[in-house]
Amino acid sequence: MDPLIYKLVGAAFAAAFFASSSHAAPRAQSAEECGIAADMALVAQSLAREEIQPAKASAIMARIYDVAESERGQELMRSILGTAYTRNVSQGKPFAEELFTACMSSGGNMDTILGRSL
């Protein structure tokens, strides 16, 4: 399938998520949660680079991180996936490193990387 299709599907996935409500990325409550978010970002970026369809990527990540019982975990995962699928994954710092650095330096706030929808 054409890589442009995956980018368009990813953008539609992110747009649908971000349009659904006004939100900020969940705030990490510990350094361990910053690490988990960075790990999620690494996996999400890898799935995006491999051009895995966003819906399938979401299902894969939900199984890996077992977020079915956690609304906060699901929200964080969706935010990370949406960002991984809409950003240029080949430029700048690796997504996971950027997210971890922002999370640790801001007391768990990841909005600067994951964005905030108003």
PDB file of N, CA and C in Angstrom:
ATOM      1  N   MET A   1       0.845  -1.176   0.000  1.00  0.00           N
ATOM      2  CA  MET A   1       0.000   0.000   0.000  1.00  0.00           C
ATOM      3  C   MET A   1       0.889   1.237   0.000  1.00  0.00           C
ATOM      4  N   ASP A   2       0.432   2.275  -0.630  1.00  0.00           N
ATOM      5  CA  ASP A   2       1.164   3.529  -0.753  1.00  0.00           C
ATOM      6  C   ASP A   2       1.397   4.152   0.620  1.00  0.00           C
ATOM      7  N   PRO A   3       2.652   4.567   0.928  1.00  0.00           N
ATOM      8  CA  PRO A   3       2.951   5.192   2.233  1.00  0.00           C
ATOM      9  C   PRO A   3       2.101   6.429   2.508  1.00  0.00           C
ATOM     10  N   LEU A   4       1.709   7.136   1.466  1.00  0.00           N
ATOM     11  CA  LEU A   4       0.870   8.319   1.651  1.00  0.00           C
ATOM     12  C   LEU A   4      -0.469   7.941   2.264  1.00  0.00           C
ATOM     13  N   ILE A   5      -0.996   6.796   1.890  1.00  0.00           N
ATOM     14  CA  ILE A   5      -2.264   6.320   2.449  1.00  0.00           C
ATOM     15  C   ILE A   5      -2.139   6.154   3.958  1.00  0.00           C
ATOM     16  N   TYR A   6      -1.028   5.555   4.406  1.00  0.00           N
ATOM     17  CA  TYR A   6      -0.827   5.357   5.844  1.00  0.00           C
ATOM     18  C   TYR A   6      -0.748   6.692   6.568  1.00  0.00           C
ATOM     19  N   LYS A   7      -0.080   7.664   5.954  1.00  0.00           N
ATOM     20  CA  LYS A   7       0.019   8.980   6.581  1.00  0.00           C
ATOM     21  C   LYS A   7      -1.357   9.641   6.665  1.00  0.00           C
ATOM     22  N   LEU A   8      -2.146   9.501   5.606  1.00  0.00           N
ATOM     23  CA  LEU A   8      -3.492  10.078   5.616  1.00  0.00           C
ATOM     24  C   LEU A   8      -4.382   9.395   6.645  1.00  0.00           C
ATOM     25  N   VAL A   9      -4.284   8.059   6.725  1.00  0.00           N
ATOM     26  CA  VAL A   9      -5.072   7.322   7.712  1.00  0.00           C
ATOM     27  C   VAL A   9      -4.633   7.717   9.117  1.00  0.00           C
ATOM     28  N   GLY A  10      -3.318   7.851   9.326  1.00  0.00           N
ATOM     29  CA  GLY A  10      -2.810   8.271  10.630  1.00  0.00           C
ATOM     30  C   GLY A  10      -3.297   9.661  11.003  1.00  0.00           C
ATOM     31  N   ALA A  11      -3.285  10.558  10.027  1.00  0.00           N
ATOM     32  CA  ALA A  11      -3.768  11.919  10.283  1.00  0.00           C
ATOM     33  C   ALA A  11      -5.254  11.907  10.609  1.00  0.00           C
ATOM     34  N   ALA A  12      -6.019  11.081   9.895  1.00  0.00           N
ATOM     35  CA  ALA A  12      -7.452  10.979  10.169  1.00  0.00           C
ATOM     36  C   ALA A  12      -7.690  10.393  11.559  1.00  0.00           C
ATOM     37  N   PHE A  13      -6.906   9.392  11.925  1.00  0.00           N
ATOM     38  CA  PHE A  13      -6.992   8.776  13.252  1.00  0.00           C
ATOM     39  C   PHE A  13      -6.743   9.833  14.329  1.00  0.00           C
ATOM     40  N   ALA A  14      -5.670  10.581  14.167  1.00  0.00           N
ATOM     41  CA  ALA A  14      -5.342  11.608  15.153  1.00  0.00           C
ATOM     42  C   ALA A  14      -6.389  12.709  15.174  1.00  0.00           C
ATOM     43  N   ALA A  15      -6.855  13.128  14.000  1.00  0.00           N
ATOM     44  CA  ALA A  15      -7.861  14.196  13.940  1.00  0.00           C
ATOM     45  C   ALA A  15      -9.150  13.758  14.626  1.00  0.00           C
ATOM     46  N   ALA A  16      -9.554  12.512  14.397  1.00  0.00           N
ATOM     47  CA  ALA A  16     -10.776  12.016  15.031  1.00  0.00           C
ATOM     48  C   ALA A  16     -10.621  11.982  16.544  1.00  0.00           C
ATOM     49  N   PHE A  17      -9.454  11.560  16.996  1.00  0.00           N
ATOM     50  CA  PHE A  17      -9.227  11.517  18.435  1.00  0.00           C
ATOM     51  C   PHE A  17      -9.213  12.923  19.021  1.00  0.00           C
ATOM     52  N   PHE A  18      -8.450  13.818  18.402  1.00  0.00           N
ATOM     53  CA  PHE A  18      -8.322  15.158  18.949  1.00  0.00           C
ATOM     54  C   PHE A  18      -9.607  15.951  18.834  1.00  0.00           C
ATOM     55  N   ALA A  19     -10.425  15.676  17.832  1.00  0.00           N
ATOM     56  CA  ALA A  19     -11.684  16.401  17.671  1.00  0.00           C
ATOM     57  C   ALA A  19     -12.748  15.909  18.639  1.00  0.00           C
ATOM     58  N   SER A  20     -12.546  14.728  19.201  1.00  0.00           N
ATOM     59  CA  SER A  20     -13.580  14.138  20.052  1.00  0.00           C
ATOM     60  C   SER A  20     -13.783  14.875  21.364  1.00  0.00           C
ATOM     61  N   SER A  21     -12.752  15.541  21.844  1.00  0.00           N
ATOM     62  CA  SER A  21     -12.910  16.262  23.101  1.00  0.00           C
ATOM     63  C   SER A  21     -11.741  17.204  23.324  1.00  0.00           C
ATOM     64  N   SER A  22     -11.963  18.115  24.215  1.00  0.00           N
ATOM     65  CA  SER A  22     -10.896  19.010  24.636  1.00  0.00           C
ATOM     66  C   SER A  22     -10.085  18.255  25.665  1.00  0.00           C
ATOM     67  N   HIS A  23      -8.775  18.188  25.464  1.00  0.00           N
ATOM     68  CA  HIS A  23      -7.993  17.405  26.403  1.00  0.00           C
ATOM     69  C   HIS A  23      -6.545  17.862  26.415  1.00  0.00           C
ATOM     70  N   ALA A  24      -5.887  17.452  27.420  1.00  0.00           N
ATOM     71  CA  ALA A  24      -4.436  17.546  27.515  1.00  0.00           C
ATOM     72  C   ALA A  24      -3.946  16.122  27.714  1.00  0.00           C
ATOM     73  N   ALA A  25      -2.714  15.888  27.365  1.00  0.00           N
ATOM     74  CA  ALA A  25      -2.157  14.557  27.584  1.00  0.00           C
ATOM     75  C   ALA A  25      -2.194  14.255  29.081  1.00  0.00           C
ATOM     76  N   PRO A  26      -2.430  12.997  29.435  1.00  0.00           N
ATOM     77  CA  PRO A  26      -2.395  12.660  30.861  1.00  0.00           C
ATOM     78  C   PRO A  26      -1.037  13.024  31.443  1.00  0.00           C
ATOM     79  N   ARG A  27      -1.029  13.452  32.642  1.00  0.00           N
ATOM     80  CA  ARG A  27       0.202  13.846  33.324  1.00  0.00           C
ATOM     81  C   ARG A  27       0.785  12.624  34.026  1.00  0.00           C
ATOM     82  N   ALA A  28       2.063  12.376  33.813  1.00  0.00           N
ATOM     83  CA  ALA A  28       2.732  11.269  34.504  1.00  0.00           C
ATOM     84  C   ALA A  28       2.823  11.597  35.985  1.00  0.00           C
ATOM     85  N   GLN A  29       2.597  10.601  36.821  1.00  0.00           N
ATOM     86  CA  GLN A  29       2.601  10.815  38.260  1.00  0.00           C
ATOM     87  C   GLN A  29       3.895  10.369  38.926  1.00  0.00           C
ATOM     88  N   SER A  30       4.833   9.847  38.130  1.00  0.00           N
ATOM     89  CA  SER A  30       6.117   9.421  38.684  1.00  0.00           C
ATOM     90  C   SER A  30       7.135   9.305  37.556  1.00  0.00           C
ATOM     91  N   ALA A  31       8.402   9.170  37.945  1.00  0.00           N
ATOM     92  CA  ALA A  31       9.459   8.953  36.948  1.00  0.00           C
ATOM     93  C   ALA A  31       9.222   7.635  36.218  1.00  0.00           C
ATOM     94  N   GLU A  32       8.681   6.654  36.920  1.00  0.00           N
ATOM     95  CA  GLU A  32       8.387   5.364  36.299  1.00  0.00           C
ATOM     96  C   GLU A  32       7.352   5.537  35.182  1.00  0.00           C
ATOM     97  N   GLU A  33       6.330   6.353  35.410  1.00  0.00           N
ATOM     98  CA  GLU A  33       5.328   6.596  34.366  1.00  0.00           C
ATOM     99  C   GLU A  33       5.928   7.346  33.184  1.00  0.00           C
ATOM    100  N   CYS A  34       6.885   8.240  33.434  1.00  0.00           N
ATOM    101  CA  CYS A  34       7.583   8.901  32.325  1.00  0.00           C
ATOM    102  C   CYS A  34       8.315   7.845  31.491  1.00  0.00           C
ATOM    103  N   GLY A  35       8.926   6.879  32.153  1.00  0.00           N
ATOM    104  CA  GLY A  35       9.621   5.797  31.454  1.00  0.00           C
ATOM    105  C   GLY A  35       8.678   4.938  30.641  1.00  0.00           C
ATOM    106  N   ILE A  36       7.515   4.639  31.206  1.00  0.00           N
ATOM    107  CA  ILE A  36       6.517   3.845  30.481  1.00  0.00           C
ATOM    108  C   ILE A  36       6.016   4.613  29.267  1.00  0.00           C
ATOM    109  N   ALA A  37       5.774   5.912  29.424  1.00  0.00           N
ATOM    110  CA  ALA A  37       5.331   6.740  28.295  1.00  0.00           C
ATOM    111  C   ALA A  37       6.401   6.760  27.206  1.00  0.00           C
ATOM    112  N   ALA A  38       7.665   6.855  27.593  1.00  0.00           N
ATOM    113  CA  ALA A  38       8.759   6.846  26.616  1.00  0.00           C
ATOM    114  C   ALA A  38       8.823   5.500  25.897  1.00  0.00           C
ATOM    115  N   ASP A  39       8.612   4.424  26.643  1.00  0.00           N
ATOM    116  CA  ASP A  39       8.585   3.093  26.030  1.00  0.00           C
ATOM    117  C   ASP A  39       7.435   2.990  25.033  1.00  0.00           C
ATOM    118  N   MET A  40       6.267   3.490  25.425  1.00  0.00           N
ATOM    119  CA  MET A  40       5.118   3.506  24.506  1.00  0.00           C
ATOM    120  C   MET A  40       5.460   4.302  23.242  1.00  0.00           C
ATOM    121  N   ALA A  41       6.162   5.419  23.423  1.00  0.00           N
ATOM    122  CA  ALA A  41       6.528   6.261  22.279  1.00  0.00           C
ATOM    123  C   ALA A  41       7.472   5.518  21.342  1.00  0.00           C
ATOM    124  N   LEU A  42       8.395   4.752  21.902  1.00  0.00           N
ATOM    125  CA  LEU A  42       9.321   3.968  21.088  1.00  0.00           C
ATOM    126  C   LEU A  42       8.563   2.942  20.241  1.00  0.00           C
ATOM    127  N   VAL A  43       7.635   2.235  20.861  1.00  0.00           N
ATOM    128  CA  VAL A  43       6.842   1.240  20.145  1.00  0.00           C
ATOM    129  C   VAL A  43       5.946   1.921  19.105  1.00  0.00           C
ATOM    130  N   ALA A  44       5.279   3.005  19.487  1.00  0.00           N
ATOM    131  CA  ALA A  44       4.390   3.713  18.554  1.00  0.00           C
ATOM    132  C   ALA A  44       5.164   4.234  17.356  1.00  0.00           C
ATOM    133  N   GLN A  45       6.342   4.792  17.597  1.00  0.00           N
ATOM    134  CA  GLN A  45       7.157   5.306  16.497  1.00  0.00           C
ATOM    135  C   GLN A  45       7.588   4.160  15.577  1.00  0.00           C
ATOM    136  N   SER A  46       7.925   3.028  16.152  1.00  0.00           N
ATOM    137  CA  SER A  46       8.307   1.867  15.343  1.00  0.00           C
ATOM    138  C   SER A  46       7.144   1.387  14.491  1.00  0.00           C
ATOM    139  N   LEU A  47       5.959   1.331  15.073  1.00  0.00           N
ATOM    140  CA  LEU A  47       4.774   0.919  14.317  1.00  0.00           C
ATOM    141  C   LEU A  47       4.481   1.906  13.190  1.00  0.00           C
ATOM    142  N   ALA A  48       4.644   3.196  13.469  1.00  0.00           N
ATOM    143  CA  ALA A  48       4.408   4.216  12.441  1.00  0.00           C
ATOM    144  C   ALA A  48       5.435   4.082  11.318  1.00  0.00           C
ATOM    145  N   ARG A  49       6.689   3.877  11.658  1.00  0.00           N
ATOM    146  CA  ARG A  49       7.735   3.711  10.638  1.00  0.00           C
ATOM    147  C   ARG A  49       7.496   2.496   9.772  1.00  0.00           C
ATOM    148  N   GLU A  50       6.961   1.446  10.364  1.00  0.00           N
ATOM    149  CA  GLU A  50       6.657   0.223   9.612  1.00  0.00           C
ATOM    150  C   GLU A  50       5.338   0.337   8.841  1.00  0.00           C
ATOM    151  N   GLU A  51       4.695   1.480   8.961  1.00  0.00           N
ATOM    152  CA  GLU A  51       3.446   1.783   8.269  1.00  0.00           C
ATOM    153  C   GLU A  51       2.321   0.798   8.606  1.00  0.00           C
ATOM    154  N   ILE A  52       2.274   0.405   9.878  1.00  0.00           N
ATOM    155  CA  ILE A  52       1.185  -0.429  10.376  1.00  0.00           C
ATOM    156  C   ILE A  52      -0.050   0.469  10.453  1.00  0.00           C
ATOM    157  N   GLN A  53      -1.188  -0.042  10.000  1.00  0.00           N
ATOM    158  CA  GLN A  53      -2.414   0.758  10.046  1.00  0.00           C
ATOM    159  C   GLN A  53      -2.682   1.193  11.486  1.00  0.00           C
ATOM    160  N   PRO A  54      -3.106   2.448  11.680  1.00  0.00           N
ATOM    161  CA  PRO A  54      -3.307   2.967  13.045  1.00  0.00           C
ATOM    162  C   PRO A  54      -4.227   2.111  13.916  1.00  0.00           C
ATOM    163  N   ALA A  55      -5.300   1.600  13.372  1.00  0.00           N
ATOM    164  CA  ALA A  55      -6.210   0.774  14.176  1.00  0.00           C
ATOM    165  C   ALA A  55      -5.510  -0.500  14.653  1.00  0.00           C
ATOM    166  N   LYS A  56      -4.716  -1.093  13.778  1.00  0.00           N
ATOM    167  CA  LYS A  56      -3.974  -2.300  14.152  1.00  0.00           C
ATOM    168  C   LYS A  56      -2.887  -1.947  15.170  1.00  0.00           C
ATOM    169  N   ALA A  57      -2.227  -0.806  14.968  1.00  0.00           N
ATOM    170  CA  ALA A  57      -1.200  -0.359  15.915  1.00  0.00           C
ATOM    171  C   ALA A  57      -1.807  -0.159  17.301  1.00  0.00           C
ATOM    172  N   SER A  58      -2.996   0.409  17.344  1.00  0.00           N
ATOM    173  CA  SER A  58      -3.686   0.615  18.614  1.00  0.00           C
ATOM    174  C   SER A  58      -3.970  -0.716  19.305  1.00  0.00           C
ATOM    175  N   ALA A  59      -4.425  -1.693  18.547  1.00  0.00           N
ATOM    176  CA  ALA A  59      -4.709  -3.013  19.116  1.00  0.00           C
ATOM    177  C   ALA A  59      -3.431  -3.674  19.626  1.00  0.00           C
ATOM    178  N   ILE A  60      -2.350  -3.545  18.880  1.00  0.00           N
ATOM    179  CA  ILE A  60      -1.067  -4.117  19.297  1.00  0.00           C
ATOM    180  C   ILE A  60      -0.602  -3.477  20.601  1.00  0.00           C
ATOM    181  N   MET A  61      -0.638  -2.158  20.638  1.00  0.00           N
ATOM    182  CA  MET A  61      -0.176  -1.456  21.842  1.00  0.00           C
ATOM    183  C   MET A  61      -1.062  -1.753  23.042  1.00  0.00           C
ATOM    184  N   ALA A  62      -2.366  -1.858  22.832  1.00  0.00           N
ATOM    185  CA  ALA A  62      -3.272  -2.166  23.940  1.00  0.00           C
ATOM    186  C   ALA A  62      -2.928  -3.525  24.556  1.00  0.00           C
ATOM    187  N   ARG A  63      -2.530  -4.477  23.711  1.00  0.00           N
ATOM    188  CA  ARG A  63      -2.129  -5.795  24.232  1.00  0.00           C
ATOM    189  C   ARG A  63      -0.782  -5.720  24.940  1.00  0.00           C
ATOM    190  N   ILE A  64       0.155  -5.002  24.367  1.00  0.00           N
ATOM    191  CA  ILE A  64       1.487  -4.907  24.964  1.00  0.00           C
ATOM    192  C   ILE A  64       1.419  -4.257  26.344  1.00  0.00           C
ATOM    193  N   TYR A  65       0.672  -3.148  26.432  1.00  0.00           N
ATOM    194  CA  TYR A  65       0.664  -2.363  27.671  1.00  0.00           C
ATOM    195  C   TYR A  65      -0.529  -2.644  28.571  1.00  0.00           C
ATOM    196  N   ASP A  66      -1.412  -3.547  28.155  1.00  0.00           N
ATOM    197  CA  ASP A  66      -2.538  -3.983  28.981  1.00  0.00           C
ATOM    198  C   ASP A  66      -3.280  -2.791  29.598  1.00  0.00           C
ATOM    199  N   VAL A  67      -3.768  -1.893  28.739  1.00  0.00           N
ATOM    200  CA  VAL A  67      -4.434  -0.675  29.197  1.00  0.00           C
ATOM    201  C   VAL A  67      -5.959  -0.781  29.200  1.00  0.00           C
ATOM    202  N   ALA A  68      -6.489  -1.957  28.944  1.00  0.00           N
ATOM    203  CA  ALA A  68      -7.941  -2.120  28.838  1.00  0.00           C
ATOM    204  C   ALA A  68      -8.687  -1.661  30.088  1.00  0.00           C
ATOM    205  N   GLU A  69      -8.105  -1.823  31.241  1.00  0.00           N
ATOM    206  CA  GLU A  69      -8.767  -1.477  32.506  1.00  0.00           C
ATOM    207  C   GLU A  69      -8.453  -0.066  32.991  1.00  0.00           C
ATOM    208  N   SER A  70      -7.624   0.644  32.254  1.00  0.00           N
ATOM    209  CA  SER A  70      -7.181   1.962  32.704  1.00  0.00           C
ATOM    210  C   SER A  70      -7.546   3.040  31.682  1.00  0.00           C
ATOM    211  N   GLU A  71      -8.507   3.877  32.037  1.00  0.00           N
ATOM    212  CA  GLU A  71      -8.888   4.968  31.140  1.00  0.00           C
ATOM    213  C   GLU A  71      -7.710   5.910  30.921  1.00  0.00           C
ATOM    214  N   ARG A  72      -6.969   6.196  31.976  1.00  0.00           N
ATOM    215  CA  ARG A  72      -5.791   7.049  31.868  1.00  0.00           C
ATOM    216  C   ARG A  72      -4.750   6.437  30.938  1.00  0.00           C
ATOM    217  N   GLY A  73      -4.524   5.134  31.080  1.00  0.00           N
ATOM    218  CA  GLY A  73      -3.568   4.429  30.224  1.00  0.00           C
ATOM    219  C   GLY A  73      -3.991   4.444  28.772  1.00  0.00           C
ATOM    220  N   GLN A  74      -5.288   4.243  28.537  1.00  0.00           N
ATOM    221  CA  GLN A  74      -5.810   4.278  27.171  1.00  0.00           C
ATOM    222  C   GLN A  74      -5.653   5.670  26.561  1.00  0.00           C
ATOM    223  N   GLU A  75      -5.935   6.696  27.352  1.00  0.00           N
ATOM    224  CA  GLU A  75      -5.814   8.067  26.869  1.00  0.00           C
ATOM    225  C   GLU A  75      -4.364   8.400  26.523  1.00  0.00           C
ATOM    226  N   LEU A  76      -3.442   7.994  27.384  1.00  0.00           N
ATOM    227  CA  LEU A  76      -2.028   8.233  27.123  1.00  0.00           C
ATOM    228  C   LEU A  76      -1.597   7.492  25.859  1.00  0.00           C
ATOM    229  N   MET A  77      -2.000   6.247  25.736  1.00  0.00           N
ATOM    230  CA  MET A  77      -1.642   5.461  24.563  1.00  0.00           C
ATOM    231  C   MET A  77      -2.172   6.108  23.288  1.00  0.00           C
ATOM    232  N   ARG A  78      -3.423   6.563  23.297  1.00  0.00           N
ATOM    233  CA  ARG A  78      -4.007   7.219  22.108  1.00  0.00           C
ATOM    234  C   ARG A  78      -3.251   8.509  21.773  1.00  0.00           C
ATOM    235  N   SER A  79      -2.894   9.267  22.792  1.00  0.00           N
ATOM    236  CA  SER A  79      -2.145  10.509  22.556  1.00  0.00           C
ATOM    237  C   SER A  79      -0.788  10.220  21.937  1.00  0.00           C
ATOM    238  N   ILE A  80      -0.113   9.229  22.461  1.00  0.00           N
ATOM    239  CA  ILE A  80       1.210   8.865  21.943  1.00  0.00           C
ATOM    240  C   ILE A  80       1.097   8.335  20.521  1.00  0.00           C
ATOM    241  N   LEU A  81       0.140   7.456  20.274  1.00  0.00           N
ATOM    242  CA  LEU A  81      -0.050   6.935  18.915  1.00  0.00           C
ATOM    243  C   LEU A  81      -0.403   8.050  17.936  1.00  0.00           C
ATOM    244  N   GLY A  82      -1.317   8.919  18.328  1.00  0.00           N
ATOM    245  CA  GLY A  82      -1.702  10.020  17.449  1.00  0.00           C
ATOM    246  C   GLY A  82      -0.518  10.885  17.078  1.00  0.00           C
ATOM    247  N   THR A  83       0.336  11.155  18.052  1.00  0.00           N
ATOM    248  CA  THR A  83       1.522  11.964  17.791  1.00  0.00           C
ATOM    249  C   THR A  83       2.511  11.211  16.899  1.00  0.00           C
ATOM    250  N   ALA A  84       2.736   9.945  17.180  1.00  0.00           N
ATOM    251  CA  ALA A  84       3.678   9.153  16.382  1.00  0.00           C
ATOM    252  C   ALA A  84       3.247   9.071  14.925  1.00  0.00           C
ATOM    253  N   TYR A  85       1.951   8.979  14.683  1.00  0.00           N
ATOM    254  CA  TYR A  85       1.454   8.845  13.315  1.00  0.00           C
ATOM    255  C   TYR A  85       1.336  10.176  12.578  1.00  0.00           C
ATOM    256  N   THR A  86       1.396  11.287  13.270  1.00  0.00           N
ATOM    257  CA  THR A  86       1.252  12.572  12.583  1.00  0.00           C
ATOM    258  C   THR A  86       2.553  13.354  12.477  1.00  0.00           C
ATOM    259  N   ARG A  87       3.534  13.017  13.263  1.00  0.00           N
ATOM    260  CA  ARG A  87       4.798  13.764  13.197  1.00  0.00           C
ATOM    261  C   ARG A  87       5.750  13.115  12.212  1.00  0.00           C
ATOM    262  N   ASN A  88       6.714  13.871  11.755  1.00  0.00           N
ATOM    263  CA  ASN A  88       7.738  13.332  10.883  1.00  0.00           C
ATOM    264  C   ASN A  88       8.710  12.534  11.750  1.00  0.00           C
ATOM    265  N   VAL A  89       8.651  11.220  11.668  1.00  0.00           N
ATOM    266  CA  VAL A  89       9.424  10.371  12.570  1.00  0.00           C
ATOM    267  C   VAL A  89      10.908  10.308  12.221  1.00  0.00           C
ATOM    268  N   SER A  90      11.315  10.953  11.146  1.00  0.00           N
ATOM    269  CA  SER A  90      12.722  10.879  10.754  1.00  0.00           C
ATOM    270  C   SER A  90      13.517  12.122  11.142  1.00  0.00           C
ATOM    271  N   GLN A  91      12.872  13.127  11.720  1.00  0.00           N
ATOM    272  CA  GLN A  91      13.574  14.364  12.052  1.00  0.00           C
ATOM    273  C   GLN A  91      13.738  14.537  13.553  1.00  0.00           C
ATOM    274  N   GLY A  92      14.804  15.234  13.921  1.00  0.00           N
ATOM    275  CA  GLY A  92      14.997  15.600  15.320  1.00  0.00           C
ATOM    276  C   GLY A  92      15.348  14.425  16.205  1.00  0.00           C
ATOM    277  N   LYS A  93      15.239  14.665  17.509  1.00  0.00           N
ATOM    278  CA  LYS A  93      15.499  13.629  18.503  1.00  0.00           C
ATOM    279  C   LYS A  93      14.501  12.496  18.318  1.00  0.00           C
ATOM    280  N   PRO A  94      14.906  11.297  18.717  1.00  0.00           N
ATOM    281  CA  PRO A  94      13.923  10.205  18.718  1.00  0.00           C
ATOM    282  C   PRO A  94      12.724  10.582  19.602  1.00  0.00           C
ATOM    283  N   PHE A  95      11.556  10.238  19.153  1.00  0.00           N
ATOM    284  CA  PHE A  95      10.303  10.571  19.824  1.00  0.00           C
ATOM    285  C   PHE A  95      10.331  10.167  21.293  1.00  0.00           C
ATOM    286  N   ALA A  96      10.779   8.954  21.587  1.00  0.00           N
ATOM    287  CA  ALA A  96      10.792   8.465  22.974  1.00  0.00           C
ATOM    288  C   ALA A  96      11.700   9.317  23.850  1.00  0.00           C
ATOM    289  N   GLU A  97      12.867   9.655  23.330  1.00  0.00           N
ATOM    290  CA  GLU A  97      13.805  10.484  24.099  1.00  0.00           C
ATOM    291  C   GLU A  97      13.228  11.871  24.355  1.00  0.00           C
ATOM    292  N   GLU A  98      12.618  12.437  23.327  1.00  0.00           N
ATOM    293  CA  GLU A  98      12.010  13.765  23.448  1.00  0.00           C
ATOM    294  C   GLU A  98      10.886  13.759  24.486  1.00  0.00           C
ATOM    295  N   LEU A  99      10.040  12.722  24.436  1.00  0.00           N
ATOM    296  CA  LEU A  99       8.924  12.618  25.373  1.00  0.00           C
ATOM    297  C   LEU A  99       9.428  12.420  26.807  1.00  0.00           C
ATOM    298  N   PHE A 100      10.408  11.544  26.987  1.00  0.00           N
ATOM    299  CA  PHE A 100      10.944  11.283  28.321  1.00  0.00           C
ATOM    300  C   PHE A 100      11.573  12.543  28.907  1.00  0.00           C
ATOM    301  N   THR A 101      12.353  13.243  28.111  1.00  0.00           N
ATOM    302  CA  THR A 101      13.006  14.470  28.579  1.00  0.00           C
ATOM    303  C   THR A 101      11.973  15.505  29.000  1.00  0.00           C
ATOM    304  N   ALA A 102      10.955  15.698  28.163  1.00  0.00           N
ATOM    305  CA  ALA A 102       9.898  16.670  28.495  1.00  0.00           C
ATOM    306  C   ALA A 102       9.155  16.256  29.758  1.00  0.00           C
ATOM    307  N   CYS A 103       8.846  14.991  29.870  1.00  0.00           N
ATOM    308  CA  CYS A 103       8.097  14.474  31.017  1.00  0.00           C
ATOM    309  C   CYS A 103       8.886  14.671  32.313  1.00  0.00           C
ATOM    310  N   MET A 104      10.154  14.307  32.287  1.00  0.00           N
ATOM    311  CA  MET A 104      10.974  14.394  33.497  1.00  0.00           C
ATOM    312  C   MET A 104      11.264  15.844  33.892  1.00  0.00           C
ATOM    313  N   SER A 105      11.427  16.710  32.909  1.00  0.00           N
ATOM    314  CA  SER A 105      11.801  18.097  33.223  1.00  0.00           C
ATOM    315  C   SER A 105      10.609  18.971  33.597  1.00  0.00           C
ATOM    316  N   SER A 106       9.398  18.458  33.408  1.00  0.00           N
ATOM    317  CA  SER A 106       8.212  19.278  33.675  1.00  0.00           C
ATOM    318  C   SER A 106       7.296  18.680  34.730  1.00  0.00           C
ATOM    319  N   GLY A 107       7.794  17.755  35.499  1.00  0.00           N
ATOM    320  CA  GLY A 107       6.964  17.152  36.537  1.00  0.00           C
ATOM    321  C   GLY A 107       5.840  16.287  35.983  1.00  0.00           C
ATOM    322  N   GLY A 108       6.079  15.659  34.833  1.00  0.00           N
ATOM    323  CA  GLY A 108       5.089  14.749  34.261  1.00  0.00           C
ATOM    324  C   GLY A 108       4.235  15.327  33.153  1.00  0.00           C
ATOM    325  N   ASN A 109       4.374  16.620  32.857  1.00  0.00           N
ATOM    326  CA  ASN A 109       3.577  17.254  31.809  1.00  0.00           C
ATOM    327  C   ASN A 109       4.169  16.918  30.445  1.00  0.00           C
ATOM    328  N   MET A 110       3.379  16.274  29.581  1.00  0.00           N
ATOM    329  CA  MET A 110       3.856  15.877  28.257  1.00  0.00           C
ATOM    330  C   MET A 110       3.191  16.662  27.136  1.00  0.00           C
ATOM    331  N   ASP A 111       2.449  17.718  27.497  1.00  0.00           N
ATOM    332  CA  ASP A 111       1.721  18.506  26.497  1.00  0.00           C
ATOM    333  C   ASP A 111       2.630  19.109  25.427  1.00  0.00           C
ATOM    334  N   THR A 112       3.860  19.473  25.777  1.00  0.00           N
ATOM    335  CA  THR A 112       4.738  20.098  24.794  1.00  0.00           C
ATOM    336  C   THR A 112       5.072  19.145  23.648  1.00  0.00           C
ATOM    337  N   ILE A 113       5.016  17.853  23.899  1.00  0.00           N
ATOM    338  CA  ILE A 113       5.313  16.856  22.870  1.00  0.00           C
ATOM    339  C   ILE A 113       4.027  16.286  22.280  1.00  0.00           C
ATOM    340  N   LEU A 114       3.089  15.935  23.153  1.00  0.00           N
ATOM    341  CA  LEU A 114       1.858  15.298  22.690  1.00  0.00           C
ATOM    342  C   LEU A 114       0.794  16.291  22.273  1.00  0.00           C
ATOM    343  N   GLY A 115       0.981  17.552  22.621  1.00  0.00           N
ATOM    344  CA  GLY A 115       0.035  18.580  22.221  1.00  0.00           C
ATOM    345  C   GLY A 115      -1.144  18.692  23.162  1.00  0.00           C
ATOM    346  N   ARG A 116      -1.900  19.719  22.905  1.00  0.00           N
ATOM    347  CA  ARG A 116      -3.098  19.978  23.677  1.00  0.00           C
ATOM    348  C   ARG A 116      -4.167  20.448  22.716  1.00  0.00           C
ATOM    349  N   SER A 117      -5.307  19.849  22.789  1.00  0.00           N
ATOM    350  CA  SER A 117      -6.409  20.209  21.904  1.00  0.00           C
ATOM    351  C   SER A 117      -7.417  21.059  22.668  1.00  0.00           C
ATOM    352  N   LEU A 118      -7.796  22.164  22.099  1.00  0.00           N
ATOM    353  CA  LEU A 118      -8.755  23.045  22.766  1.00  0.00           C
ATOM    354  C   LEU A 118     -10.108  22.965  22.130  1.00  0.00           C
TER     355      LEU A 118
END
